[in-house]
Amino acid sequence: MPEPACTHMFVAADGMLAEYLCHVELLDLTEARAVALHAIHRDHPRWDCLVRTATERYTRDSQPGSGEIAPTAAQSGRVGNPP
């Protein structure tokens, strides 16, 4: 049976569906939740688990010196003025 042309499903990163489903896009992912979801999905094949790929990308990109632009304060959930 051929795969559907459009297979993107979006779920809240802090919901239970993100823990059980692999073929979903994550909404409102935070660093803490990325670490937790990666621990849950770590044994899944990288090519077959969008959640594992997204959590690896998020944690890699949020590290200083990774060569990528880190999330802004608003994206990472930090608000207010720096000390």
C-alpha atoms as a PDB file:
ATOM      1  CA  MET A   1       0.000   0.000   0.000  1.00  0.00           C
ATOM      2  CA  PRO A   2       1.508   3.380  -0.948  1.00  0.00           C
ATOM      3  CA  GLU A   3       2.142   5.938   1.777  1.00  0.00           C
ATOM      4  CA  PRO A   4      -0.108   9.015   1.924  1.00  0.00           C
ATOM      5  CA  ALA A   5       1.243  12.099   0.171  1.00  0.00           C
ATOM      6  CA  CYS A   6       1.031  14.220   3.321  1.00  0.00           C
ATOM      7  CA  THR A   7       2.024  12.470   6.518  1.00  0.00           C
ATOM      8  CA  HIS A   8       2.904  15.320   8.881  1.00  0.00           C
ATOM      9  CA  MET A   9       1.091  15.240  12.191  1.00  0.00           C
ATOM     10  CA  PHE A  10       1.887  17.824  14.857  1.00  0.00           C
ATOM     11  CA  VAL A  11       1.630  17.087  18.585  1.00  0.00           C
ATOM     12  CA  ALA A  12       2.436  19.043  21.727  1.00  0.00           C
ATOM     13  CA  ALA A  13       5.931  18.155  22.894  1.00  0.00           C
ATOM     14  CA  ASP A  14       4.786  18.041  26.513  1.00  0.00           C
ATOM     15  CA  GLY A  15       1.943  15.599  25.781  1.00  0.00           C
ATOM     16  CA  MET A  16       1.832  11.826  26.048  1.00  0.00           C
ATOM     17  CA  LEU A  17       1.508  11.355  22.278  1.00  0.00           C
ATOM     18  CA  ALA A  18       5.068  12.636  21.869  1.00  0.00           C
ATOM     19  CA  GLU A  19       6.216   9.785  24.112  1.00  0.00           C
ATOM     20  CA  TYR A  20       4.461   7.065  22.122  1.00  0.00           C
ATOM     21  CA  LEU A  21       4.516   8.225  18.490  1.00  0.00           C
ATOM     22  CA  CYS A  22       7.637   8.464  16.339  1.00  0.00           C
ATOM     23  CA  HIS A  23       6.292   9.926  13.098  1.00  0.00           C
ATOM     24  CA  VAL A  24       5.164  13.299  14.456  1.00  0.00           C
ATOM     25  CA  GLU A  25       6.439  16.854  14.498  1.00  0.00           C
ATOM     26  CA  LEU A  26       6.827  18.438  17.936  1.00  0.00           C
ATOM     27  CA  LEU A  27       5.251  21.750  18.953  1.00  0.00           C
ATOM     28  CA  ASP A  28       6.664  23.968  21.716  1.00  0.00           C
ATOM     29  CA  LEU A  29       9.711  21.808  22.448  1.00  0.00           C
ATOM     30  CA  THR A  30      11.819  22.933  25.413  1.00  0.00           C
ATOM     31  CA  GLU A  31      15.327  21.821  26.279  1.00  0.00           C
ATOM     32  CA  ALA A  32      14.188  19.809  29.315  1.00  0.00           C
ATOM     33  CA  ARG A  33      11.476  18.067  27.295  1.00  0.00           C
ATOM     34  CA  ALA A  34      13.912  17.398  24.439  1.00  0.00           C
ATOM     35  CA  VAL A  35      16.204  15.574  26.863  1.00  0.00           C
ATOM     36  CA  ALA A  36      13.297  13.558  28.299  1.00  0.00           C
ATOM     37  CA  LEU A  37      11.905  12.608  24.885  1.00  0.00           C
ATOM     38  CA  HIS A  38      15.349  11.687  23.609  1.00  0.00           C
ATOM     39  CA  ALA A  39      15.757   9.277  26.530  1.00  0.00           C
ATOM     40  CA  ILE A  40      12.436   7.644  25.606  1.00  0.00           C
ATOM     41  CA  HIS A  41      13.197   7.397  21.851  1.00  0.00           C
ATOM     42  CA  ARG A  42      16.985   6.832  22.027  1.00  0.00           C
ATOM     43  CA  ASP A  43      16.831   3.179  20.927  1.00  0.00           C
ATOM     44  CA  HIS A  44      14.728   3.889  17.839  1.00  0.00           C
ATOM     45  CA  PRO A  45      16.455   3.999  14.433  1.00  0.00           C
ATOM     46  CA  ARG A  46      17.427   7.581  13.624  1.00  0.00           C
ATOM     47  CA  TRP A  47      16.048   7.299  10.084  1.00  0.00           C
ATOM     48  CA  ASP A  48      12.676   6.075  11.326  1.00  0.00           C
ATOM     49  CA  CYS A  49      11.945   8.308  14.338  1.00  0.00           C
ATOM     50  CA  LEU A  50      11.215  11.992  13.769  1.00  0.00           C
ATOM     51  CA  VAL A  51      11.057  12.604  17.521  1.00  0.00           C
ATOM     52  CA  ARG A  52      14.607  11.314  18.043  1.00  0.00           C
ATOM     53  CA  THR A  53      15.870  13.408  15.146  1.00  0.00           C
ATOM     54  CA  ALA A  54      14.103  16.547  16.422  1.00  0.00           C
ATOM     55  CA  THR A  55      15.361  16.127  19.984  1.00  0.00           C
ATOM     56  CA  GLU A  56      18.932  15.555  18.830  1.00  0.00           C
ATOM     57  CA  ARG A  57      18.764  18.611  16.590  1.00  0.00           C
ATOM     58  CA  TYR A  58      17.241  20.763  19.337  1.00  0.00           C
ATOM     59  CA  THR A  59      19.817  19.831  21.972  1.00  0.00           C
ATOM     60  CA  ARG A  60      22.693  20.162  19.488  1.00  0.00           C
ATOM     61  CA  ASP A  61      21.553  23.543  18.207  1.00  0.00           C
ATOM     62  CA  SER A  62      20.958  24.943  21.689  1.00  0.00           C
ATOM     63  CA  GLN A  63      24.537  24.231  22.826  1.00  0.00           C
ATOM     64  CA  PRO A  64      26.925  27.218  22.672  1.00  0.00           C
ATOM     65  CA  GLY A  65      29.681  26.760  20.111  1.00  0.00           C
ATOM     66  CA  SER A  66      27.724  24.190  18.102  1.00  0.00           C
ATOM     67  CA  GLY A  67      28.121  26.259  14.962  1.00  0.00           C
ATOM     68  CA  GLU A  68      24.402  26.873  14.889  1.00  0.00           C
ATOM     69  CA  ILE A  69      22.299  29.742  16.128  1.00  0.00           C
ATOM     70  CA  ALA A  70      20.991  29.011  19.620  1.00  0.00           C
ATOM     71  CA  PRO A  71      17.298  29.675  20.336  1.00  0.00           C
ATOM     72  CA  THR A  72      16.435  33.154  21.467  1.00  0.00           C
ATOM     73  CA  ALA A  73      15.364  33.785  25.049  1.00  0.00           C
ATOM     74  CA  ALA A  74      11.716  33.809  23.985  1.00  0.00           C
ATOM     75  CA  GLN A  75      12.065  30.493  22.127  1.00  0.00           C
ATOM     76  CA  SER A  76      13.805  28.801  25.024  1.00  0.00           C
ATOM     77  CA  GLY A  77      11.183  29.913  27.527  1.00  0.00           C
ATOM     78  CA  ARG A  78      13.401  32.437  29.309  1.00  0.00           C
ATOM     79  CA  VAL A  79      11.772  35.820  29.615  1.00  0.00           C
ATOM     80  CA  GLY A  80      12.723  38.986  31.403  1.00  0.00           C
ATOM     81  CA  ASN A  81      15.888  41.003  31.559  1.00  0.00           C
ATOM     82  CA  PRO A  82      19.253  39.316  32.088  1.00  0.00           C
ATOM     83  CA  PRO A  83      20.805  39.809  35.543  1.00  0.00           C
END
